[in-house]
Protein backbone atom coordinates (compact mmCIF):
# COMPACT_ATOMS: atom_id res chain seq x y z
CA UNK A 1 -12.05 -2.04 -20.69
CA UNK A 2 -8.85 -4.01 -21.05
CA UNK A 3 -8.84 -7.13 -23.18
CA UNK A 4 -7.56 -10.17 -21.27
CA UNK A 5 -5.10 -12.40 -23.09
CA UNK A 6 -4.67 -16.12 -22.49
CA UNK A 7 -1.80 -18.45 -23.38
CA UNK A 8 -2.14 -21.91 -25.00
CA UNK A 9 -2.90 -23.75 -21.72
CA UNK A 10 -5.78 -21.39 -20.89
CA UNK A 11 -3.99 -19.42 -18.15
CA UNK A 12 -4.20 -15.66 -18.25
CA UNK A 13 -1.03 -13.99 -19.51
CA UNK A 14 0.75 -11.64 -17.13
CA UNK A 15 0.55 -8.16 -18.54
CA UNK A 16 3.66 -6.13 -19.11
CA UNK A 17 4.19 -3.32 -16.58
CA UNK A 18 3.53 0.05 -18.13
CA UNK A 19 5.25 3.34 -17.39
CA UNK A 20 2.09 4.82 -15.89
CA UNK A 21 1.87 1.84 -13.50
CA UNK A 22 5.39 2.51 -12.24
CA UNK A 23 4.65 6.21 -11.94
CA UNK A 24 1.44 5.49 -9.99
CA UNK A 25 3.40 3.23 -7.60
CA UNK A 26 5.75 6.12 -6.80
CA UNK A 27 2.70 8.22 -5.79
CA UNK A 28 1.13 5.49 -3.66
CA UNK A 29 1.55 4.71 0.04
CA UNK A 30 0.58 1.54 1.91
CA UNK A 31 -1.10 2.24 5.25
CA UNK A 32 -1.35 -0.43 7.98
CA UNK A 33 -2.86 -0.70 11.47
CA UNK A 34 -5.97 1.23 10.47
CA UNK A 35 -8.76 0.69 13.03
CA UNK A 36 -11.38 -1.74 11.71
CA UNK A 37 -14.19 0.73 12.41
CA UNK A 38 -12.62 3.43 10.18
CA UNK A 39 -14.27 4.48 6.94
CA UNK A 40 -12.48 5.35 3.71
CA UNK A 41 -13.33 9.02 4.17
CA UNK A 42 -11.71 9.03 7.65
CA UNK A 43 -8.44 7.77 6.20
CA UNK A 44 -8.65 10.08 3.19
CA UNK A 45 -9.10 13.16 5.41
CA UNK A 46 -6.05 12.25 7.50
CA UNK A 47 -3.89 11.54 4.46
CA UNK A 48 -4.94 14.79 2.75
CA UNK A 49 -2.82 16.64 5.33
CA UNK A 50 0.18 15.64 3.18
CA UNK A 51 -1.25 16.47 -0.26
CA UNK A 52 -4.06 15.91 -2.74
CA UNK A 53 -5.36 12.32 -2.58
CA UNK A 54 -6.54 10.90 -5.92
CA UNK A 55 -7.70 7.50 -4.61
CA UNK A 56 -8.02 5.58 -1.38
CA UNK A 57 -8.48 1.80 -1.64
CA UNK A 58 -9.25 -0.21 1.50
CA UNK A 59 -8.02 -3.83 1.46
CA UNK A 60 -10.74 -6.43 2.07
CA UNK A 61 -9.82 -9.89 3.39
CA UNK A 62 -10.93 -12.38 0.70
CA UNK A 63 -11.97 -15.13 3.09
CA UNK A 64 -13.60 -13.11 5.87
CA UNK A 65 -14.93 -10.46 3.44
CA UNK A 66 -14.11 -7.78 5.98
CA UNK A 67 -11.78 -4.80 6.08
CA UNK A 68 -8.26 -5.96 6.95
CA UNK A 69 -6.90 -2.73 8.46
CA UNK A 70 -4.74 -1.94 5.42
CA UNK A 71 -5.17 0.50 2.54
CA UNK A 72 -3.47 2.01 -0.48
CA UNK A 73 -3.60 5.79 -0.82
CA UNK A 74 -2.60 7.37 -4.12
CA UNK A 75 -1.52 11.00 -4.24
CA UNK A 76 -1.54 13.39 -7.18
CA UNK A 77 2.22 13.88 -6.78
CA UNK A 78 5.05 11.59 -5.62
CA UNK A 79 6.38 14.31 -3.30
CA UNK A 80 3.12 14.15 -1.32
CA UNK A 81 3.55 10.39 -0.83
CA UNK A 82 7.12 10.93 0.37
CA UNK A 83 5.89 13.64 2.75
CA UNK A 84 3.40 11.19 4.31
CA UNK A 85 6.10 8.51 4.73
CA UNK A 86 8.48 11.07 6.24
CA UNK A 87 5.80 12.19 8.71
CA UNK A 88 5.43 8.56 9.85
CA UNK A 89 9.22 8.13 10.14
CA UNK A 90 9.51 11.36 12.14
CA UNK A 91 6.71 10.23 14.46
CA UNK A 92 8.47 6.91 15.07
CA UNK A 93 11.65 8.82 15.91
CA UNK A 94 9.69 10.99 18.35
CA UNK A 95 10.20 14.21 16.37
CA UNK A 96 6.56 14.82 15.43
CA UNK A 97 3.04 13.82 16.34
CA UNK A 98 2.10 10.42 14.94
CA UNK A 99 -0.20 9.87 11.98
CA UNK A 100 -3.49 8.63 13.44
CA UNK A 101 -6.94 7.64 12.19
CA UNK A 102 -9.80 7.74 14.71
CA UNK A 103 -7.26 7.99 17.52
CA UNK A 104 -5.19 4.96 16.43
CA UNK A 105 -1.62 5.35 15.18
CA UNK A 106 -1.14 4.02 11.66
CA UNK A 107 1.99 3.02 9.75
CA UNK A 108 2.68 4.62 6.36
CA UNK A 109 5.11 3.10 3.83
CA UNK A 110 5.82 3.70 0.16
CA UNK A 111 3.98 1.07 -1.88
CA UNK A 112 6.06 -1.54 -3.71
CA UNK A 113 5.59 -2.93 -7.20
CA UNK A 114 5.61 -6.70 -7.82
CA UNK A 115 9.41 -6.79 -8.20
CA UNK A 116 9.85 -4.89 -4.94
CA UNK A 117 7.54 -7.28 -3.12
CA UNK A 118 9.41 -10.29 -4.50
CA UNK A 119 12.71 -8.75 -3.39
CA UNK A 120 11.33 -8.17 0.10
CA UNK A 121 10.05 -11.73 0.25
CA UNK A 122 13.45 -13.08 -0.86
CA UNK A 123 15.21 -10.98 1.78
CA UNK A 124 12.89 -12.35 4.49
CA UNK A 125 13.61 -15.91 3.34
CA UNK A 126 17.36 -15.30 3.59
CA UNK A 127 17.15 -13.66 7.02
CA UNK A 128 14.82 -16.14 8.65
CA UNK A 129 15.84 -19.28 6.76
CA UNK A 130 12.16 -20.18 6.29
CA UNK A 131 9.62 -19.45 3.55
CA UNK A 132 7.50 -16.33 3.60
CA UNK A 133 3.89 -17.46 4.22
CA UNK A 134 2.24 -14.14 3.46
CA UNK A 135 -0.15 -14.01 0.51
CA UNK A 136 1.69 -11.35 -1.50
CA UNK A 137 0.06 -12.12 -4.91
């Protein structure tokens, strides 16, 4: 178990990103538009078409305490994650059959680390000239 560290005002210190965290991000994809009746095993079976899946984490809405239709899938190898993203891109371009779970098309993107999310949020603010209201962290 990791030991939590706190600063002088009692707030938890942000931990330093480690190399293995960055490496795990490169092997992870973010999947959206998953049907709400799908189970983790349904998603894992579909995503295993692109390579060995090491973990599949479904995102639960904190307030509703229900599945939100999003998940993070971690592969054993970064090339498998890129293959899944490429399959989604090819399907959007009409070149291949779409990636689907229980008959519903899903979106597959490479996962971003905290810096990547902040950069995306900043880009949205610049484009739209309004603050990003999503709960990113």
